[in-house]
């Protein structure tokens, strides 16, 4: 079991930057693959970026070159640095923890990111 709390969402103009942070507690953080997902209004939840316990990263095509995911196992945090934001990035962003052994997923409460044109 792991608890996730996101922070850093807000309203920004197109072209701006925002950093999201996710703090984890309650389990062995380093054992999890961490990720950021988002769900826009009327859309399905989609993966934005993931980072494995070994540090391997993966990004959705729509955010490659603009977003950077990172983790700090000592602090039990995972961040998403979002640059060159576009209105299409507007969504609720969720922190995700995936445990490969049990195939369990854990989710944060979500944080709203709104990008104005």
C-alpha atoms as a PDB file:
ATOM      1  CA  UNK A   1       0.000   0.000   0.000  1.00  0.00           C
ATOM      2  CA  UNK A   2       1.220   3.449  -0.927  1.00  0.00           C
ATOM      3  CA  UNK A   3      -0.365   6.851  -0.537  1.00  0.00           C
ATOM      4  CA  UNK A   4       0.213   9.531  -3.150  1.00  0.00           C
ATOM      5  CA  UNK A   5      -0.316  13.272  -2.877  1.00  0.00           C
ATOM      6  CA  UNK A   6       0.106  15.586  -5.852  1.00  0.00           C
ATOM      7  CA  UNK A   7       0.870  19.277  -5.775  1.00  0.00           C
ATOM      8  CA  UNK A   8       1.872  22.039  -8.143  1.00  0.00           C
ATOM      9  CA  UNK A   9      -1.118  22.299 -10.437  1.00  0.00           C
ATOM     10  CA  UNK A  10      -2.542  25.613 -11.469  1.00  0.00           C
ATOM     11  CA  UNK A  11      -3.320  28.031 -14.264  1.00  0.00           C
ATOM     12  CA  UNK A  12      -0.618  29.034 -16.731  1.00  0.00           C
ATOM     13  CA  UNK A  13      -0.444  30.672 -20.124  1.00  0.00           C
ATOM     14  CA  UNK A  14       0.536  28.794 -23.251  1.00  0.00           C
ATOM     15  CA  UNK A  15       4.296  28.587 -23.523  1.00  0.00           C
ATOM     16  CA  UNK A  16       4.745  28.670 -19.785  1.00  0.00           C
ATOM     17  CA  UNK A  17       6.090  26.073 -17.408  1.00  0.00           C
ATOM     18  CA  UNK A  18       4.813  24.219 -14.403  1.00  0.00           C
ATOM     19  CA  UNK A  19       6.270  21.608 -12.094  1.00  0.00           C
ATOM     20  CA  UNK A  20       4.129  18.926 -10.545  1.00  0.00           C
ATOM     21  CA  UNK A  21       5.277  16.952  -7.553  1.00  0.00           C
ATOM     22  CA  UNK A  22       4.046  13.719  -6.048  1.00  0.00           C
ATOM     23  CA  UNK A  23       4.918  12.652  -2.536  1.00  0.00           C
ATOM     24  CA  UNK A  24       4.615   8.971  -1.677  1.00  0.00           C
ATOM     25  CA  UNK A  25       4.362   7.275   1.671  1.00  0.00           C
ATOM     26  CA  UNK A  26       3.374   3.966   3.194  1.00  0.00           C
ATOM     27  CA  UNK A  27       5.497   1.538   1.208  1.00  0.00           C
ATOM     28  CA  UNK A  28       8.881   0.950  -0.369  1.00  0.00           C
ATOM     29  CA  UNK A  29       8.972   3.746  -2.911  1.00  0.00           C
ATOM     30  CA  UNK A  30      11.964   2.453  -4.820  1.00  0.00           C
ATOM     31  CA  UNK A  31      10.143  -0.760  -5.728  1.00  0.00           C
ATOM     32  CA  UNK A  32       7.517   1.057  -7.772  1.00  0.00           C
ATOM     33  CA  UNK A  33       7.343   2.288 -11.282  1.00  0.00           C
ATOM     34  CA  UNK A  34       6.047   5.836 -11.039  1.00  0.00           C
ATOM     35  CA  UNK A  35       4.100   7.768 -13.576  1.00  0.00           C
ATOM     36  CA  UNK A  36       1.999  10.750 -14.416  1.00  0.00           C
ATOM     37  CA  UNK A  37      -1.339  10.375 -16.131  1.00  0.00           C
ATOM     38  CA  UNK A  38      -3.844  12.943 -17.214  1.00  0.00           C
ATOM     39  CA  UNK A  39      -7.507  13.085 -18.030  1.00  0.00           C
ATOM     40  CA  UNK A  40      -8.941  15.919 -20.052  1.00  0.00           C
ATOM     41  CA  UNK A  41     -12.623  16.745 -20.035  1.00  0.00           C
ATOM     42  CA  UNK A  42     -14.510  14.160 -22.041  1.00  0.00           C
ATOM     43  CA  UNK A  43     -11.397  12.073 -22.589  1.00  0.00           C
ATOM     44  CA  UNK A  44     -10.012   8.845 -21.204  1.00  0.00           C
ATOM     45  CA  UNK A  45      -7.155   8.875 -18.753  1.00  0.00           C
ATOM     46  CA  UNK A  46      -3.854   8.579 -20.594  1.00  0.00           C
ATOM     47  CA  UNK A  47      -0.255   8.021 -19.669  1.00  0.00           C
ATOM     48  CA  UNK A  48       1.963  11.089 -19.881  1.00  0.00           C
ATOM     49  CA  UNK A  49       5.278   9.856 -18.544  1.00  0.00           C
ATOM     50  CA  UNK A  50       6.662   6.980 -16.524  1.00  0.00           C
ATOM     51  CA  UNK A  51       9.903   6.271 -14.738  1.00  0.00           C
ATOM     52  CA  UNK A  52      10.982   2.845 -13.571  1.00  0.00           C
ATOM     53  CA  UNK A  53      12.718   1.988 -10.336  1.00  0.00           C
ATOM     54  CA  UNK A  54      15.903   1.822 -12.390  1.00  0.00           C
ATOM     55  CA  UNK A  55      15.409   5.294 -13.811  1.00  0.00           C
ATOM     56  CA  UNK A  56      14.234   4.401 -17.304  1.00  0.00           C
ATOM     57  CA  UNK A  57      11.772   6.940 -18.661  1.00  0.00           C
ATOM     58  CA  UNK A  58       9.017   6.863 -21.212  1.00  0.00           C
ATOM     59  CA  UNK A  59       6.900   9.695 -22.594  1.00  0.00           C
ATOM     60  CA  UNK A  60       3.785  10.093 -24.611  1.00  0.00           C
ATOM     61  CA  UNK A  61       4.507  11.388 -28.091  1.00  0.00           C
ATOM     62  CA  UNK A  62       2.515  14.510 -27.391  1.00  0.00           C
ATOM     63  CA  UNK A  63       4.858  15.625 -24.597  1.00  0.00           C
ATOM     64  CA  UNK A  64       8.250  14.408 -25.784  1.00  0.00           C
ATOM     65  CA  UNK A  65      10.809  17.162 -25.662  1.00  0.00           C
ATOM     66  CA  UNK A  66       8.635  19.299 -23.416  1.00  0.00           C
ATOM     67  CA  UNK A  67       8.043  17.287 -20.241  1.00  0.00           C
ATOM     68  CA  UNK A  68      10.599  15.674 -17.962  1.00  0.00           C
ATOM     69  CA  UNK A  69       9.842  13.107 -15.291  1.00  0.00           C
ATOM     70  CA  UNK A  70      12.238  12.501 -12.432  1.00  0.00           C
ATOM     71  CA  UNK A  71      12.283  10.747  -9.092  1.00  0.00           C
ATOM     72  CA  UNK A  72      14.110  11.096  -5.832  1.00  0.00           C
ATOM     73  CA  UNK A  73      14.016   7.813  -3.963  1.00  0.00           C
ATOM     74  CA  UNK A  74      15.568   9.349  -0.868  1.00  0.00           C
ATOM     75  CA  UNK A  75      12.701  11.832  -0.613  1.00  0.00           C
ATOM     76  CA  UNK A  76      10.018   9.489  -1.968  1.00  0.00           C
ATOM     77  CA  UNK A  77       8.974  11.973  -4.611  1.00  0.00           C
ATOM     78  CA  UNK A  78       8.401  12.038  -8.328  1.00  0.00           C
ATOM     79  CA  UNK A  79       8.225  15.255 -10.303  1.00  0.00           C
ATOM     80  CA  UNK A  80       6.966  16.262 -13.699  1.00  0.00           C
ATOM     81  CA  UNK A  81       8.519  19.358 -15.190  1.00  0.00           C
ATOM     82  CA  UNK A  82       6.277  20.695 -17.926  1.00  0.00           C
ATOM     83  CA  UNK A  83       7.706  23.219 -20.352  1.00  0.00           C
ATOM     84  CA  UNK A  84       6.236  24.900 -23.413  1.00  0.00           C
ATOM     85  CA  UNK A  85       2.751  24.167 -22.218  1.00  0.00           C
ATOM     86  CA  UNK A  86      -0.090  24.080 -24.702  1.00  0.00           C
ATOM     87  CA  UNK A  87      -3.839  24.397 -24.224  1.00  0.00           C
ATOM     88  CA  UNK A  88      -4.077  20.723 -25.176  1.00  0.00           C
ATOM     89  CA  UNK A  89      -2.205  19.910 -21.967  1.00  0.00           C
ATOM     90  CA  UNK A  90      -5.157  21.076 -19.906  1.00  0.00           C
ATOM     91  CA  UNK A  91      -6.292  18.166 -17.765  1.00  0.00           C
ATOM     92  CA  UNK A  92      -6.386  16.705 -14.307  1.00  0.00           C
ATOM     93  CA  UNK A  93      -2.992  15.161 -13.688  1.00  0.00           C
ATOM     94  CA  UNK A  94      -2.686  12.066 -11.539  1.00  0.00           C
ATOM     95  CA  UNK A  95       0.318  10.521  -9.899  1.00  0.00           C
ATOM     96  CA  UNK A  96       0.514   6.761 -10.291  1.00  0.00           C
ATOM     97  CA  UNK A  97       2.507   4.064  -8.562  1.00  0.00           C
ATOM     98  CA  UNK A  98       2.707   0.597 -10.059  1.00  0.00           C
ATOM     99  CA  UNK A  99       4.093  -2.393  -8.223  1.00  0.00           C
ATOM    100  CA  UNK A 100       5.373  -4.971 -10.734  1.00  0.00           C
ATOM    101  CA  UNK A 101       5.144  -7.913  -8.336  1.00  0.00           C
ATOM    102  CA  UNK A 102       1.493  -7.577  -7.474  1.00  0.00           C
ATOM    103  CA  UNK A 103       0.403  -5.603 -10.548  1.00  0.00           C
ATOM    104  CA  UNK A 104      -1.252  -3.123  -8.223  1.00  0.00           C
ATOM    105  CA  UNK A 105      -1.881   0.463  -9.156  1.00  0.00           C
ATOM    106  CA  UNK A 106      -2.172   3.329  -6.713  1.00  0.00           C
ATOM    107  CA  UNK A 107      -3.417   6.791  -7.535  1.00  0.00           C
ATOM    108  CA  UNK A 108      -3.222  10.247  -6.114  1.00  0.00           C
ATOM    109  CA  UNK A 109      -6.212  12.545  -5.860  1.00  0.00           C
ATOM    110  CA  UNK A 110      -5.282  14.521  -8.953  1.00  0.00           C
ATOM    111  CA  UNK A 111      -4.296  18.120  -9.533  1.00  0.00           C
ATOM    112  CA  UNK A 112      -5.784  20.452 -12.115  1.00  0.00           C
ATOM    113  CA  UNK A 113      -3.574  21.958 -14.791  1.00  0.00           C
ATOM    114  CA  UNK A 114      -5.146  24.597 -16.986  1.00  0.00           C
ATOM    115  CA  UNK A 115      -3.280  26.180 -19.880  1.00  0.00           C
ATOM    116  CA  UNK A 116      -4.828  29.267 -21.406  1.00  0.00           C
ATOM    117  CA  UNK A 117      -4.364  30.173 -25.047  1.00  0.00           C
END
